[in-house]
């Protein structure tokens, strides 16, 4: 209402500012309503898996239990695209307000605010890059030869890509044990990844485009530990090649005495 009133008065600067606030706050509100309703309907399958496998935490996730860990490339690309578009829409009026003030009233202190729409453009470019990579390669999945990976043993399997790379292509693989800590409140969460152990190798895609994986894991490493969200132990498998990148959160435990 304020935006419409200011526009009728010919005050386009305040109209644009009010409209951007309305779009940002309204979008955040409707987004929160959708998020709550979506998750209220969703049933967490991990509860049934936990009950069926109380002593085997590597069976508490559907993908781990199936021995096939998938990336979240599609979900991450969609999420970043929505955030980038919302940010650009909310900060778009700054592109007109800041230069207008600088030229009309020599208010050059408003020019640094142009960094906000610039951030939106950078996020949108990054989202488009993720979507282009997704169109080129599709989703990836890590098929484990044995579940879980063993502390003091090995993590073996192969990475399969929807649109596989050509046979004989070199792929850099990396396996990391990470202590992922989260600090702050719900509105200002900060996540830090501390690498506790890592190893890498180079693999070559086979005739079917699959990428073999075979890592030996040191016996003094810490196993996957997920119950405490403030301090988790996560094992991450990464695969990189020309224009290709995939990451998998894999289960690594000590099951052999």
Protein backbone atom coordinates (compact mmCIF):
# COMPACT_ATOMS: atom_id res chain seq x y z
CA UNK A 1 0.00 0.00 0.00
CA UNK A 2 2.86 2.38 0.80
CA UNK A 3 4.51 1.58 -2.53
CA UNK A 4 1.30 2.28 -4.45
CA UNK A 5 0.68 5.51 -2.54
CA UNK A 6 4.23 6.80 -3.12
CA UNK A 7 4.04 5.87 -6.80
CA UNK A 8 0.81 7.87 -7.20
CA UNK A 9 2.57 10.82 -5.55
CA UNK A 10 5.43 10.52 -8.02
CA UNK A 11 7.96 9.57 -5.33
CA UNK A 12 9.44 6.66 -7.23
CA UNK A 13 12.44 6.28 -4.94
CA UNK A 14 10.37 5.53 -1.86
CA UNK A 15 7.92 3.49 -3.94
CA UNK A 16 10.72 1.25 -5.17
CA UNK A 17 12.12 0.87 -1.66
CA UNK A 18 8.72 -0.03 -0.19
CA UNK A 19 8.04 -2.48 -3.01
CA UNK A 20 11.38 -4.24 -2.46
CA UNK A 21 10.67 -4.59 1.28
CA UNK A 22 7.18 -5.95 0.55
CA UNK A 23 8.52 -8.51 -1.94
CA UNK A 24 11.37 -9.62 0.34
CA UNK A 25 9.25 -9.94 3.50
CA UNK A 26 6.27 -11.43 1.69
CA UNK A 27 8.44 -13.97 -0.12
CA UNK A 28 10.16 -14.95 3.12
CA UNK A 29 6.80 -15.37 4.86
CA UNK A 30 5.23 -17.52 2.15
CA UNK A 31 8.46 -19.51 1.86
CA UNK A 32 8.42 -20.25 5.59
CA UNK A 33 4.76 -21.34 5.43
CA UNK A 34 5.50 -23.71 2.54
CA UNK A 35 8.60 -25.12 4.30
CA UNK A 36 6.69 -25.88 7.50
CA UNK A 37 3.73 -27.46 5.68
CA UNK A 38 6.02 -29.56 3.46
CA UNK A 39 8.02 -30.96 6.36
CA UNK A 40 4.90 -31.49 8.46
CA UNK A 41 3.61 -33.87 5.76
CA UNK A 42 6.93 -35.61 5.23
CA UNK A 43 7.60 -38.86 7.06
CA UNK A 44 11.18 -39.42 8.14
CA UNK A 45 12.13 -42.94 6.94
CA UNK A 46 15.20 -42.94 9.21
CA UNK A 47 12.99 -43.56 12.25
CA UNK A 48 11.95 -46.95 10.91
CA UNK A 49 15.52 -47.78 9.90
CA UNK A 50 16.80 -46.88 13.38
CA UNK A 51 14.22 -49.14 15.00
CA UNK A 52 15.06 -52.03 12.67
CA UNK A 53 18.87 -51.63 13.05
CA UNK A 54 19.55 -50.30 16.56
CA UNK A 55 23.20 -51.38 16.61
CA UNK A 56 24.08 -50.50 13.02
CA UNK A 57 24.06 -46.70 12.51
CA UNK A 58 25.29 -47.10 8.93
CA UNK A 59 21.82 -48.52 8.17
CA UNK A 60 19.96 -45.46 9.50
CA UNK A 61 19.90 -43.66 6.17
CA UNK A 62 18.09 -44.97 3.12
CA UNK A 63 20.97 -44.34 0.74
CA UNK A 64 23.52 -45.87 3.10
CA UNK A 65 21.33 -48.93 3.70
CA UNK A 66 21.01 -49.38 -0.07
CA UNK A 67 24.76 -48.95 -0.54
CA UNK A 68 24.22 -46.18 -3.08
CA UNK A 69 25.03 -42.62 -2.01
CA UNK A 70 23.70 -39.87 -4.28
CA UNK A 71 24.73 -36.26 -4.61
CA UNK A 72 22.32 -33.40 -3.97
CA UNK A 73 23.29 -31.46 -7.11
CA UNK A 74 19.71 -30.92 -8.32
CA UNK A 75 18.44 -29.82 -4.91
CA UNK A 76 21.44 -27.54 -4.28
CA UNK A 77 21.11 -25.91 -7.72
CA UNK A 78 17.37 -25.29 -7.24
CA UNK A 79 17.89 -23.90 -3.74
CA UNK A 80 20.65 -21.51 -4.78
CA UNK A 81 18.63 -20.39 -7.82
CA UNK A 82 15.61 -19.50 -5.67
CA UNK A 83 17.76 -17.66 -3.12
CA UNK A 84 19.63 -15.76 -5.83
CA UNK A 85 16.45 -14.69 -7.63
CA UNK A 86 14.83 -13.57 -4.35
CA UNK A 87 17.97 -11.62 -3.41
CA UNK A 88 18.13 -9.94 -6.83
CA UNK A 89 14.45 -8.96 -6.72
CA UNK A 90 14.74 -7.58 -3.18
CA UNK A 91 17.87 -5.53 -3.92
CA UNK A 92 17.03 -4.50 -7.49
CA UNK A 93 15.72 -1.01 -6.50
CA UNK A 94 19.15 -0.20 -5.02
CA UNK A 95 20.52 -0.11 -8.58
CA UNK A 96 18.32 2.96 -9.19
CA UNK A 97 18.17 4.54 -5.74
CA UNK A 98 21.91 4.71 -4.99
CA UNK A 99 23.03 6.31 -8.31
CA UNK A 100 20.01 8.63 -8.24
CA UNK A 101 20.94 9.95 -4.79
CA UNK A 102 24.59 10.28 -5.75
CA UNK A 103 23.77 12.36 -8.85
CA UNK A 104 20.89 14.39 -7.39
CA UNK A 105 22.18 15.29 -3.93
CA UNK A 106 25.85 14.23 -4.03
CA UNK A 107 25.13 11.50 -1.49
CA UNK A 108 28.09 9.29 -2.40
CA UNK A 109 27.83 7.33 0.84
CA UNK A 110 24.94 5.41 -0.71
CA UNK A 111 27.13 3.97 -3.48
CA UNK A 112 28.64 1.17 -1.30
CA UNK A 113 25.11 -0.26 -1.01
CA UNK A 114 25.50 -1.39 -4.64
CA UNK A 115 27.41 -4.35 -3.21
CA UNK A 116 24.07 -5.95 -2.28
CA UNK A 117 22.68 -6.33 -5.82
CA UNK A 118 26.17 -7.35 -6.90
CA UNK A 119 26.06 -10.23 -4.41
CA UNK A 120 22.76 -11.33 -5.94
CA UNK A 121 24.26 -11.30 -9.43
CA UNK A 122 27.23 -13.37 -8.26
CA UNK A 123 24.93 -15.91 -6.60
CA UNK A 124 22.81 -16.11 -9.75
CA UNK A 125 25.90 -16.69 -11.89
CA UNK A 126 27.06 -19.44 -9.52
CA UNK A 127 23.61 -21.05 -9.63
CA UNK A 128 23.65 -20.98 -13.44
CA UNK A 129 27.08 -22.60 -13.39
CA UNK A 130 25.76 -25.39 -11.16
CA UNK A 131 22.79 -25.91 -13.46
CA UNK A 132 25.04 -26.00 -16.53
CA UNK A 133 27.21 -28.66 -14.85
CA UNK A 134 24.06 -30.58 -13.97
CA UNK A 135 22.86 -30.48 -17.59
CA UNK A 136 26.26 -31.65 -18.78
CA UNK A 137 26.75 -34.58 -16.39
CA UNK A 138 23.45 -35.12 -14.57
CA UNK A 139 23.39 -36.61 -11.07
CA UNK A 140 26.12 -38.84 -9.67
CA UNK A 141 25.99 -41.77 -7.28
CA UNK A 142 28.63 -43.71 -5.37
CA UNK A 143 27.89 -47.45 -5.38
CA UNK A 144 29.66 -49.00 -2.38
CA UNK A 145 31.21 -52.44 -2.68
CA UNK A 146 30.64 -53.00 1.05
CA UNK A 147 28.70 -51.03 3.67
CA UNK A 148 30.11 -49.37 5.68
CA UNK A 149 33.66 -48.25 4.93
CA UNK A 150 35.95 -49.68 7.59
CA UNK A 151 38.22 -47.83 10.03
CA UNK A 152 41.54 -49.62 9.64
CA UNK A 153 40.19 -51.18 6.45
CA UNK A 154 38.98 -49.80 3.16
CA UNK A 155 36.29 -47.84 1.35
CA UNK A 156 35.70 -49.30 -2.10
CA UNK A 157 33.16 -48.97 -4.89
CA UNK A 158 32.64 -46.87 -7.99
CA UNK A 159 31.19 -43.50 -8.96
CA UNK A 160 28.52 -43.61 -11.65
CA UNK A 161 27.40 -40.53 -13.57
CA UNK A 162 24.14 -40.11 -15.49
CA UNK A 163 26.12 -38.77 -18.45
CA UNK A 164 29.45 -40.52 -17.86
CA UNK A 165 32.83 -39.10 -18.83
CA UNK A 166 34.72 -40.77 -21.67
CA UNK A 167 36.66 -43.93 -20.92
CA UNK A 168 40.23 -43.29 -19.82
CA UNK A 169 39.60 -39.83 -18.33
CA UNK A 170 41.57 -39.06 -15.18
CA UNK A 171 39.53 -38.18 -12.10
CA UNK A 172 40.98 -36.80 -8.87
CA UNK A 173 39.49 -38.51 -5.79
CA UNK A 174 39.72 -37.30 -2.21
CA UNK A 175 38.51 -38.84 1.05
CA UNK A 176 38.28 -36.64 4.14
CA UNK A 177 37.30 -37.12 7.77
CA UNK A 178 35.75 -33.83 8.89
CA UNK A 179 34.70 -32.44 12.25
CA UNK A 180 31.73 -30.24 11.30
CA UNK A 181 30.81 -27.81 14.07
CA UNK A 182 27.79 -25.49 14.17
CA UNK A 183 27.56 -22.41 16.38
CA UNK A 184 25.01 -19.65 16.87
CA UNK A 185 21.25 -19.30 16.90
CA UNK A 186 18.76 -20.34 14.23
CA UNK A 187 19.01 -16.96 12.50
CA UNK A 188 22.83 -16.71 12.60
CA UNK A 189 24.21 -20.22 12.28
CA UNK A 190 27.89 -20.62 11.42
CA UNK A 191 29.31 -23.95 10.25
CA UNK A 192 33.00 -24.81 10.29
CA UNK A 193 34.69 -27.86 8.75
CA UNK A 194 37.91 -29.06 10.39
CA UNK A 195 39.75 -31.72 8.42
CA UNK A 196 40.98 -34.42 10.80
CA UNK A 197 42.35 -36.79 8.17
CA UNK A 198 42.54 -36.88 4.40
CA UNK A 199 43.97 -38.89 1.54
CA UNK A 200 43.74 -38.62 -2.23
CA UNK A 201 44.36 -40.63 -5.36
CA UNK A 202 43.86 -40.48 -9.11
CA UNK A 203 41.42 -42.84 -10.80
CA UNK A 204 40.61 -43.50 -14.46
CA UNK A 205 37.09 -44.00 -15.78
CA UNK A 206 36.54 -47.46 -17.22
CA UNK A 207 34.92 -48.50 -20.51
CA UNK A 208 31.43 -47.93 -19.03
CA UNK A 209 32.31 -44.47 -17.72
CA UNK A 210 32.36 -45.64 -14.08
CA UNK A 211 35.10 -44.28 -11.79
CA UNK A 212 36.66 -46.95 -9.52
CA UNK A 213 37.24 -45.97 -5.87
CA UNK A 214 39.56 -47.82 -3.47
CA UNK A 215 40.84 -46.05 -0.34
CA UNK A 216 42.69 -47.50 2.64
CA UNK A 217 41.64 -45.86 5.93
CA UNK A 218 44.02 -45.38 8.85
CA UNK A 219 43.16 -47.34 12.04
CA UNK A 220 43.28 -44.26 14.30
CA UNK A 221 40.57 -42.30 12.45
CA UNK A 222 37.27 -41.37 14.06
CA UNK A 223 34.08 -43.03 12.78
CA UNK A 224 31.01 -41.25 11.46
CA UNK A 225 29.21 -39.61 14.38
CA UNK A 226 25.93 -37.80 13.66
CA UNK A 227 23.76 -37.56 16.83
CA UNK A 228 25.14 -34.20 18.01
CA UNK A 229 24.34 -31.55 15.34
CA UNK A 230 26.70 -29.06 17.02
CA UNK A 231 29.74 -31.30 16.45
CA UNK A 232 29.51 -34.05 13.82
CA UNK A 233 32.09 -36.38 12.34
CA UNK A 234 31.47 -36.57 8.60
CA UNK A 235 33.30 -38.55 5.94
CA UNK A 236 33.28 -36.89 2.52
CA UNK A 237 34.27 -38.46 -0.79
CA UNK A 238 34.99 -35.97 -3.60
CA UNK A 239 35.51 -36.59 -7.32
CA UNK A 240 36.83 -33.91 -9.68
CA UNK A 241 37.68 -33.79 -13.36
CA UNK A 242 37.51 -31.20 -16.17
CA UNK A 243 34.21 -29.41 -15.56
CA UNK A 244 32.95 -32.22 -13.29
CA UNK A 245 32.61 -32.27 -9.52
CA UNK A 246 30.69 -34.48 -7.12
CA UNK A 247 30.68 -34.93 -3.34
CA UNK A 248 29.27 -37.80 -1.28
CA UNK A 249 28.74 -38.15 2.47
CA UNK A 250 29.76 -41.76 3.05
CA UNK A 251 29.43 -44.04 6.12
CA UNK A 252 32.73 -45.03 7.72
CA UNK A 253 32.65 -47.07 10.95
CA UNK A 254 34.74 -49.57 12.90
CA UNK A 255 32.81 -52.83 12.89
CA UNK A 256 35.66 -55.38 13.08
CA UNK A 257 37.34 -55.94 16.44
